[in-house]
Amino acid sequence: MRLLLVEDDTMIGEAVLDALRGAHYAVDWVRDGKLADAALRSEDYDLVLVDLGRPRRATRWASASPGWMPAPMTMWTNPMTPTSCWRAYAR
């Protein structure tokens, strides 16, 4: 399964990236919605994890991207940083 992680915080992004790769997922990490658009044009992903607090269009991207729907379990929160939460989108 190939995943795209959209997260602007370096510490959080590295931790999530390490955890997902440790679970044997192929993961690409971008830091904003514009970079997510570019990644989605150049690669095929099975799942996109979007930081809902993202600057530069991530929340708008997540709700408006054609072909992507919220995954059944759509929200994860990080107890260490209550402002960090992600929504997953799948094709």
Protein backbone atom coordinates (compact mmCIF):
# COMPACT_ATOMS: atom_id res chain seq x y z
CA MET A 1 0.00 0.00 0.00
CA ARG A 2 1.40 3.39 -1.00
CA LEU A 3 0.56 6.37 1.24
CA LEU A 4 0.93 10.13 0.98
CA LEU A 5 1.40 12.03 4.25
CA VAL A 6 0.58 15.77 4.21
CA GLU A 7 2.06 17.30 7.39
CA ASP A 8 3.92 20.59 7.89
CA ASP A 9 5.45 19.97 11.31
CA THR A 10 8.88 18.35 10.91
CA MET A 11 8.90 16.52 14.24
CA ILE A 12 5.40 15.10 13.76
CA GLY A 13 6.02 14.27 10.11
CA GLU A 14 9.21 12.37 10.88
CA ALA A 15 7.53 10.41 13.69
CA VAL A 16 4.52 9.46 11.55
CA LEU A 17 6.77 8.64 8.58
CA ASP A 18 9.00 6.39 10.72
CA ALA A 19 5.99 4.62 12.24
CA LEU A 20 4.35 3.98 8.87
CA ARG A 21 7.56 2.80 7.24
CA GLY A 22 8.21 0.62 10.31
CA ALA A 23 4.85 -1.00 9.56
CA HIS A 24 6.13 -1.67 6.00
CA TYR A 25 4.11 0.97 4.17
CA ALA A 26 5.59 2.87 1.24
CA VAL A 27 5.17 6.51 2.28
CA ASP A 28 5.89 9.85 0.65
CA TRP A 29 5.76 12.97 2.83
CA VAL A 30 4.91 16.49 1.65
CA ARG A 31 4.45 19.61 3.75
CA ASP A 32 1.50 21.43 2.16
CA GLY A 33 -1.52 21.14 -0.09
CA LYS A 34 0.25 22.47 -3.17
CA LEU A 35 2.95 19.82 -2.86
CA ALA A 36 0.22 17.22 -2.28
CA ASP A 37 -1.37 18.24 -5.59
CA ALA A 38 1.96 17.77 -7.38
CA ALA A 39 2.60 14.40 -5.72
CA LEU A 40 -0.88 13.14 -6.64
CA ARG A 41 -0.32 14.13 -10.27
CA SER A 42 2.96 12.20 -10.45
CA GLU A 43 2.26 9.07 -8.33
CA ASP A 44 -0.58 6.65 -7.59
CA TYR A 45 -1.50 6.49 -3.91
CA ASP A 46 -3.88 4.18 -2.08
CA LEU A 47 -4.38 6.48 0.89
CA VAL A 48 -3.69 10.13 1.75
CA LEU A 49 -3.26 11.27 5.37
CA VAL A 50 -3.95 15.01 5.62
CA ASP A 51 -3.14 17.21 8.61
CA LEU A 52 -6.38 19.14 9.08
CA GLY A 53 -4.52 22.17 10.42
CA ARG A 54 -2.44 22.48 7.27
CA PRO A 55 -1.69 25.79 5.66
CA ARG A 56 -1.78 26.31 1.90
CA ARG A 57 -5.01 24.59 0.92
CA ALA A 58 -4.80 21.17 2.57
CA THR A 59 -8.26 21.26 4.14
CA ARG A 60 -9.82 22.64 0.96
CA TRP A 61 -7.85 20.13 -1.11
CA ALA A 62 -9.07 17.25 1.03
CA SER A 63 -12.72 18.11 0.63
CA ALA A 64 -12.56 18.98 -3.07
CA SER A 65 -10.18 16.50 -4.68
CA PRO A 66 -11.97 14.40 -7.29
CA GLY A 67 -11.91 10.68 -6.74
CA TRP A 68 -10.91 10.85 -3.08
CA MET A 69 -13.38 10.04 -0.30
CA PRO A 70 -12.91 10.00 3.48
CA ALA A 71 -11.73 6.56 4.59
CA PRO A 72 -13.96 4.65 7.06
CA MET A 73 -11.73 5.56 10.02
CA THR A 74 -11.14 9.17 9.16
CA MET A 75 -9.57 10.93 12.10
CA TRP A 76 -6.51 10.33 14.22
CA THR A 77 -5.39 12.63 16.97
CA ASN A 78 -1.97 12.94 18.53
CA PRO A 79 -2.27 13.03 22.35
CA MET A 80 1.11 14.75 22.63
CA THR A 81 0.01 17.67 20.45
CA PRO A 82 -3.77 18.06 20.68
CA THR A 83 -3.82 20.46 17.75
CA SER A 84 -2.52 17.74 15.40
CA CYS A 85 -5.11 15.58 13.75
CA TRP A 86 -5.29 13.91 10.38
CA ARG A 87 -8.02 12.72 8.11
CA ALA A 88 -7.49 9.82 5.74
CA TYR A 89 -8.77 9.79 2.18
CA ALA A 90 -8.93 6.75 -0.10
CA ARG A 91 -9.90 6.18 -3.71
